[in-house]
Amino acid sequence: MKKMKLPQAIILNKGKDENLKLIQEIQRIKEWETIPVLLCGPEGDLDYISRAIDAGAGDYLSYPFDPKEIIKKIESLNKKSH
């Protein structure tokens, strides 16, 4: 069986509690621990954004955003992780 290539980033947009739980689960998977996590969500909840970054998210992208911003964020996250 051919081994699947790992993604460049993981983008989460499930909701506050779900995102924080998923970040923790992702970090438990040895093969995924170096993959950056990008959260997407509403603007302004600095407490949540801070908790997400502390939990291991690489960055946060607030709505509304241009889809090109996702590419820029992923490229930036990948530069930081290498």
C-alpha atoms as a PDB file:
ATOM      1  CA  MET A   1       0.000   0.000   0.000  1.00  0.00           C
ATOM      2  CA  LYS A   2       1.307   3.427  -0.973  1.00  0.00           C
ATOM      3  CA  LYS A   3       1.936   5.780   1.936  1.00  0.00           C
ATOM      4  CA  MET A   4      -0.238   8.885   1.869  1.00  0.00           C
ATOM      5  CA  LYS A   5       1.555  12.239   1.629  1.00  0.00           C
ATOM      6  CA  LEU A   6       1.020  14.449   4.681  1.00  0.00           C
ATOM      7  CA  PRO A   7      -0.810  17.759   4.167  1.00  0.00           C
ATOM      8  CA  GLN A   8       0.978  21.121   4.243  1.00  0.00           C
ATOM      9  CA  ALA A   9      -1.423  22.349   6.937  1.00  0.00           C
ATOM     10  CA  ILE A  10      -4.587  21.451   8.775  1.00  0.00           C
ATOM     11  CA  ILE A  11      -7.392  24.023   8.592  1.00  0.00           C
ATOM     12  CA  LEU A  12      -9.980  23.908  11.380  1.00  0.00           C
ATOM     13  CA  ASN A  13     -13.337  25.637  11.398  1.00  0.00           C
ATOM     14  CA  LYS A  14     -15.555  23.512  13.633  1.00  0.00           C
ATOM     15  CA  GLY A  15     -16.302  25.825  16.546  1.00  0.00           C
ATOM     16  CA  LYS A  16     -14.388  26.925  19.605  1.00  0.00           C
ATOM     17  CA  ASP A  17     -14.520  23.849  21.824  1.00  0.00           C
ATOM     18  CA  GLU A  18     -14.261  21.399  18.932  1.00  0.00           C
ATOM     19  CA  ASN A  19     -11.238  23.204  17.487  1.00  0.00           C
ATOM     20  CA  LEU A  20      -9.363  23.152  20.799  1.00  0.00           C
ATOM     21  CA  LYS A  21     -10.081  19.420  21.235  1.00  0.00           C
ATOM     22  CA  LEU A  22      -8.992  18.668  17.656  1.00  0.00           C
ATOM     23  CA  ILE A  23      -5.715  20.551  18.115  1.00  0.00           C
ATOM     24  CA  GLN A  24      -4.928  18.373  21.129  1.00  0.00           C
ATOM     25  CA  GLU A  25      -5.845  15.197  19.235  1.00  0.00           C
ATOM     26  CA  ILE A  26      -3.710  16.214  16.243  1.00  0.00           C
ATOM     27  CA  GLN A  27      -0.704  16.783  18.482  1.00  0.00           C
ATOM     28  CA  ARG A  28      -1.018  13.229  19.844  1.00  0.00           C
ATOM     29  CA  ILE A  29      -0.477  11.745  16.370  1.00  0.00           C
ATOM     30  CA  LYS A  30       3.287  11.431  15.966  1.00  0.00           C
ATOM     31  CA  GLU A  31       3.232  11.715  12.167  1.00  0.00           C
ATOM     32  CA  TRP A  32       1.148  14.924  12.360  1.00  0.00           C
ATOM     33  CA  GLU A  33       2.939  16.781  15.160  1.00  0.00           C
ATOM     34  CA  THR A  34       4.925  18.956  12.729  1.00  0.00           C
ATOM     35  CA  ILE A  35       1.939  19.869  10.519  1.00  0.00           C
ATOM     36  CA  PRO A  36       0.854  23.447  11.255  1.00  0.00           C
ATOM     37  CA  VAL A  37      -2.757  24.097  12.264  1.00  0.00           C
ATOM     38  CA  LEU A  38      -4.624  27.132  10.931  1.00  0.00           C
ATOM     39  CA  LEU A  39      -7.876  28.113  12.637  1.00  0.00           C
ATOM     40  CA  CYS A  40     -10.575  30.105  10.866  1.00  0.00           C
ATOM     41  CA  GLY A  41     -13.311  31.936  12.726  1.00  0.00           C
ATOM     42  CA  PRO A  42     -14.947  35.192  13.693  1.00  0.00           C
ATOM     43  CA  GLU A  43     -12.918  38.293  14.403  1.00  0.00           C
ATOM     44  CA  GLY A  44     -12.508  39.765  17.852  1.00  0.00           C
ATOM     45  CA  ASP A  45     -12.472  36.905  20.361  1.00  0.00           C
ATOM     46  CA  LEU A  46      -8.917  37.505  21.533  1.00  0.00           C
ATOM     47  CA  ASP A  47      -9.271  35.195  24.551  1.00  0.00           C
ATOM     48  CA  TYR A  48     -10.201  32.253  22.318  1.00  0.00           C
ATOM     49  CA  ILE A  49      -7.490  33.079  19.777  1.00  0.00           C
ATOM     50  CA  SER A  50      -4.921  33.224  22.588  1.00  0.00           C
ATOM     51  CA  ARG A  51      -6.101  29.869  24.009  1.00  0.00           C
ATOM     52  CA  ALA A  52      -5.958  28.297  20.553  1.00  0.00           C
ATOM     53  CA  ILE A  53      -2.398  29.530  19.947  1.00  0.00           C
ATOM     54  CA  ASP A  54      -1.401  28.278  23.423  1.00  0.00           C
ATOM     55  CA  ALA A  55      -2.977  24.902  22.572  1.00  0.00           C
ATOM     56  CA  GLY A  56      -0.804  24.590  19.474  1.00  0.00           C
ATOM     57  CA  ALA A  57      -2.534  26.391  16.619  1.00  0.00           C
ATOM     58  CA  GLY A  58      -0.007  28.006  14.314  1.00  0.00           C
ATOM     59  CA  ASP A  59      -2.182  30.956  13.341  1.00  0.00           C
ATOM     60  CA  TYR A  60      -5.730  32.313  13.176  1.00  0.00           C
ATOM     61  CA  LEU A  61      -7.557  33.738  10.168  1.00  0.00           C
ATOM     62  CA  SER A  62     -10.633  35.895  10.842  1.00  0.00           C
ATOM     63  CA  TYR A  63     -13.773  36.042   8.685  1.00  0.00           C
ATOM     64  CA  PRO A  64     -14.359  37.401   6.158  1.00  0.00           C
ATOM     65  CA  PHE A  65     -11.179  36.707   4.257  1.00  0.00           C
ATOM     66  CA  ASP A  66     -10.000  36.408   0.689  1.00  0.00           C
ATOM     67  CA  PRO A  67      -9.260  32.736  -0.111  1.00  0.00           C
ATOM     68  CA  LYS A  68      -5.773  33.818  -1.214  1.00  0.00           C
ATOM     69  CA  GLU A  69      -5.100  34.670   2.438  1.00  0.00           C
ATOM     70  CA  ILE A  70      -5.309  30.968   3.313  1.00  0.00           C
ATOM     71  CA  ILE A  71      -2.483  30.224   0.888  1.00  0.00           C
ATOM     72  CA  LYS A  72      -0.350  33.036   2.332  1.00  0.00           C
ATOM     73  CA  LYS A  73      -0.970  31.822   5.898  1.00  0.00           C
ATOM     74  CA  ILE A  74      -0.100  28.212   5.018  1.00  0.00           C
ATOM     75  CA  GLU A  75       3.103  29.301   3.267  1.00  0.00           C
ATOM     76  CA  SER A  76       4.047  31.404   6.292  1.00  0.00           C
ATOM     77  CA  LEU A  77       3.301  28.553   8.709  1.00  0.00           C
ATOM     78  CA  ASN A  78       5.390  26.132   6.670  1.00  0.00           C
ATOM     79  CA  LYS A  79       8.348  28.543   6.650  1.00  0.00           C
ATOM     80  CA  LYS A  80       8.125  28.783  10.456  1.00  0.00           C
ATOM     81  CA  SER A  81       8.040  25.003  10.895  1.00  0.00           C
ATOM     82  CA  HIS A  82      11.095  24.300   8.708  1.00  0.00           C
END
